[in-house]
C-alpha atoms as a PDB file:
ATOM      1  CA  MET A   1      -3.459  42.053  38.293  1.00  0.00           C
ATOM      2  CA  THR A   2      -5.620  42.773  41.300  1.00  0.00           C
ATOM      3  CA  VAL A   3      -9.285  42.308  41.259  1.00  0.00           C
ATOM      4  CA  GLU A   4     -11.409  43.920  44.167  1.00  0.00           C
ATOM      5  CA  ARG A   5     -14.213  41.990  45.612  1.00  0.00           C
ATOM      6  CA  GLN A   6     -17.663  43.151  44.491  1.00  0.00           C
ATOM      7  CA  THR A   7     -19.926  44.159  47.311  1.00  0.00           C
ATOM      8  CA  ALA A   8     -23.475  42.893  47.658  1.00  0.00           C
ATOM      9  CA  GLY A   9     -25.805  44.691  45.373  1.00  0.00           C
ATOM     10  CA  GLU A  10     -23.368  46.684  43.561  1.00  0.00           C
ATOM     11  CA  ARG A  11     -22.388  45.765  39.949  1.00  0.00           C
ATOM     12  CA  GLN A  12     -19.007  46.399  38.783  1.00  0.00           C
ATOM     13  CA  THR A  13     -17.636  46.461  35.218  1.00  0.00           C
ATOM     14  CA  PRO A  14     -14.153  46.163  34.002  1.00  0.00           C
ATOM     15  CA  GLY A  15     -12.438  49.619  33.711  1.00  0.00           C
ATOM     16  CA  ARG A  16      -9.101  50.653  32.167  1.00  0.00           C
ATOM     17  CA  TYR A  17      -5.982  48.596  32.815  1.00  0.00           C
ATOM     18  CA  GLY A  18      -8.252  45.728  34.056  1.00  0.00           C
ATOM     19  CA  ARG A  19      -9.497  47.190  37.387  1.00  0.00           C
ATOM     20  CA  TYR A  20     -13.096  47.041  38.376  1.00  0.00           C
ATOM     21  CA  GLU A  21     -15.123  50.139  38.665  1.00  0.00           C
ATOM     22  CA  ALA A  22     -18.412  50.756  40.172  1.00  0.00           C
ATOM     23  CA  ARG A  23     -21.208  51.698  37.819  1.00  0.00           C
ATOM     24  CA  ASP A  24     -23.254  54.644  38.342  1.00  0.00           C
ATOM     25  CA  PRO A  25     -26.958  54.266  39.245  1.00  0.00           C
ATOM     26  CA  MET A  26     -29.464  54.168  36.562  1.00  0.00           C
ATOM     27  CA  VAL A  27     -30.494  57.707  37.384  1.00  0.00           C
ATOM     28  CA  VAL A  28     -27.265  59.178  36.883  1.00  0.00           C
ATOM     29  CA  ARG A  29     -26.552  57.265  33.701  1.00  0.00           C
ATOM     30  CA  SER A  30     -30.179  58.418  32.447  1.00  0.00           C
ATOM     31  CA  VAL A  31     -29.534  61.971  33.443  1.00  0.00           C
ATOM     32  CA  ARG A  32     -26.137  61.950  31.540  1.00  0.00           C
ATOM     33  CA  ALA A  33     -27.562  60.470  28.513  1.00  0.00           C
ATOM     34  CA  LEU A  34     -30.547  63.079  28.400  1.00  0.00           C
ATOM     35  CA  SER A  35     -27.966  65.822  28.766  1.00  0.00           C
ATOM     36  CA  GLY A  36     -25.960  64.481  26.057  1.00  0.00           C
ATOM     37  CA  ALA A  37     -29.149  64.574  23.813  1.00  0.00           C
ATOM     38  CA  VAL A  38     -29.846  68.123  24.990  1.00  0.00           C
ATOM     39  CA  ALA A  39     -26.020  69.257  24.178  1.00  0.00           C
ATOM     40  CA  ALA A  40     -26.489  67.767  20.586  1.00  0.00           C
ATOM     41  CA  GLY A  41     -29.728  69.706  20.072  1.00  0.00           C
ATOM     42  CA  THR A  42     -28.069  72.734  21.249  1.00  0.00           C
ATOM     43  CA  VAL A  43     -25.312  72.336  18.661  1.00  0.00           C
ATOM     44  CA  VAL A  44     -28.208  71.586  15.946  1.00  0.00           C
ATOM     45  CA  LEU A  45     -29.908  75.058  17.138  1.00  0.00           C
ATOM     46  CA  ALA A  46     -26.522  76.816  16.792  1.00  0.00           C
ATOM     47  CA  CYS A  47     -26.163  75.412  13.343  1.00  0.00           C
ATOM     48  CA  VAL A  48     -29.572  76.521  12.306  1.00  0.00           C
ATOM     49  CA  ALA A  49     -28.958  80.059  13.698  1.00  0.00           C
ATOM     50  CA  VAL A  50     -25.739  80.321  11.834  1.00  0.00           C
ATOM     51  CA  GLY A  51     -27.269  79.052   8.587  1.00  0.00           C
ATOM     52  CA  ALA A  52     -30.254  81.356   8.788  1.00  0.00           C
ATOM     53  CA  ALA A  53     -27.853  84.298   9.159  1.00  0.00           C
ATOM     54  CA  PHE A  54     -25.886  83.176   6.210  1.00  0.00           C
ATOM     55  CA  VAL A  55     -28.898  82.763   4.003  1.00  0.00           C
ATOM     56  CA  GLY A  56     -30.647  85.993   5.273  1.00  0.00           C
ATOM     57  CA  THR A  57     -27.411  87.842   4.318  1.00  0.00           C
ATOM     58  CA  ARG A  58     -27.087  86.179   0.975  1.00  0.00           C
ATOM     59  CA  GLU A  59     -30.603  86.480  -0.080  1.00  0.00           C
ATOM     60  CA  GLY A  60     -31.237  89.849   1.431  1.00  0.00           C
ATOM     61  CA  PHE A  61     -33.783  89.358   4.086  1.00  0.00           C
ATOM     62  CA  PRO A  62     -33.518  89.788   7.654  1.00  0.00           C
ATOM     63  CA  GLY A  63     -32.260  86.921   9.604  1.00  0.00           C
ATOM     64  CA  PRO A  64     -31.095  86.492  13.070  1.00  0.00           C
ATOM     65  CA  GLY A  65     -28.780  89.211  14.328  1.00  0.00           C
ATOM     66  CA  SER A  66     -25.102  88.867  15.563  1.00  0.00           C
ATOM     67  CA  THR A  67     -26.246  88.797  19.084  1.00  0.00           C
ATOM     68  CA  THR A  68     -28.522  85.862  18.453  1.00  0.00           C
ATOM     69  CA  VAL A  69     -25.934  83.864  16.520  1.00  0.00           C
ATOM     70  CA  ALA A  70     -23.293  84.424  19.170  1.00  0.00           C
ATOM     71  CA  ALA A  71     -25.565  83.583  21.889  1.00  0.00           C
ATOM     72  CA  HIS A  72     -26.255  80.080  20.131  1.00  0.00           C
ATOM     73  CA  VAL A  73     -22.674  79.394  19.524  1.00  0.00           C
ATOM     74  CA  VAL A  74     -21.513  80.152  22.923  1.00  0.00           C
ATOM     75  CA  ALA A  75     -24.368  77.927  24.418  1.00  0.00           C
ATOM     76  CA  ALA A  76     -23.418  75.230  22.126  1.00  0.00           C
ATOM     77  CA  VAL A  77     -19.817  75.487  23.255  1.00  0.00           C
ATOM     78  CA  VAL A  78     -20.843  75.414  26.957  1.00  0.00           C
ATOM     79  CA  ALA A  79     -22.984  72.599  26.669  1.00  0.00           C
ATOM     80  CA  VAL A  80     -20.548  70.402  24.555  1.00  0.00           C
ATOM     81  CA  ALA A  81     -17.707  71.242  27.032  1.00  0.00           C
ATOM     82  CA  ALA A  82     -20.088  70.631  29.983  1.00  0.00           C
ATOM     83  CA  GLN A  83     -21.182  67.225  28.600  1.00  0.00           C
ATOM     84  CA  TRP A  84     -17.568  66.307  27.745  1.00  0.00           C
ATOM     85  CA  TRP A  85     -16.844  66.945  31.401  1.00  0.00           C
ATOM     86  CA  THR A  86     -19.826  65.026  32.630  1.00  0.00           C
ATOM     87  CA  ASP A  87     -19.075  61.911  30.635  1.00  0.00           C
ATOM     88  CA  ARG A  88     -15.791  61.632  32.566  1.00  0.00           C
ATOM     89  CA  ARG A  89     -17.199  61.921  35.945  1.00  0.00           C
ATOM     90  CA  PHE A  90     -19.329  59.763  38.348  1.00  0.00           C
ATOM     91  CA  GLY A  91     -22.047  60.356  40.753  1.00  0.00           C
ATOM     92  CA  ALA A  92     -22.895  63.887  42.062  1.00  0.00           C
ATOM     93  CA  GLN A  93     -20.295  65.423  39.705  1.00  0.00           C
ATOM     94  CA  ALA A  94     -21.941  63.910  36.657  1.00  0.00           C
ATOM     95  CA  LEU A  95     -25.195  65.174  37.878  1.00  0.00           C
ATOM     96  CA  LEU A  96     -23.620  68.729  38.218  1.00  0.00           C
ATOM     97  CA  GLY A  97     -22.242  68.669  34.739  1.00  0.00           C
ATOM     98  CA  SER A  98     -25.598  67.688  33.355  1.00  0.00           C
ATOM     99  CA  LEU A  99     -27.159  70.716  35.194  1.00  0.00           C
ATOM    100  CA  VAL A 100     -24.798  72.803  33.458  1.00  0.00           C
ATOM    101  CA  VAL A 101     -25.936  71.559  30.003  1.00  0.00           C
ATOM    102  CA  PHE A 102     -29.578  71.884  31.050  1.00  0.00           C
ATOM    103  CA  VAL A 103     -29.115  75.421  32.310  1.00  0.00           C
ATOM    104  CA  SER A 104     -27.200  76.476  29.121  1.00  0.00           C
ATOM    105  CA  LEU A 105     -29.990  75.378  26.983  1.00  0.00           C
ATOM    106  CA  GLY A 106     -32.630  76.877  29.306  1.00  0.00           C
ATOM    107  CA  THR A 107     -30.931  80.257  29.456  1.00  0.00           C
ATOM    108  CA  LEU A 108     -30.447  80.241  25.567  1.00  0.00           C
ATOM    109  CA  VAL A 109     -34.225  79.352  25.038  1.00  0.00           C
ATOM    110  CA  TRP A 110     -35.313  81.901  27.677  1.00  0.00           C
ATOM    111  CA  THR A 111     -33.260  84.827  26.354  1.00  0.00           C
ATOM    112  CA  GLN A 112     -33.307  84.186  22.620  1.00  0.00           C
ATOM    113  CA  TRP A 113     -36.430  82.288  21.742  1.00  0.00           C
ATOM    114  CA  TRP A 114     -38.974  83.664  24.344  1.00  0.00           C
ATOM    115  CA  GLY A 115     -37.453  87.144  24.814  1.00  0.00           C
END
């Protein structure tokens, strides 16, 4: 088993198969964690939209339309897929994936909640 030397100021953690991998800076880890919470919130919003459509149809009152429900489901799928991708990347790639999560929620809120 080979262990690489740690450079000054760089903390390393054991990765898969005993190798040491450099950890992301605190900013990247924080943004990744925040985008994970945002992705989870997007899934909750999608569940609320689907539930409101179901209850509205069942009880005979107007609920969100099919376009709104579809937009919520698509945004949730995009956010979860982007977060899954983000959790497996480091550095700038992780930040880019987090940006996709934020943009998907921003687009959903802008078009379906403020529109």
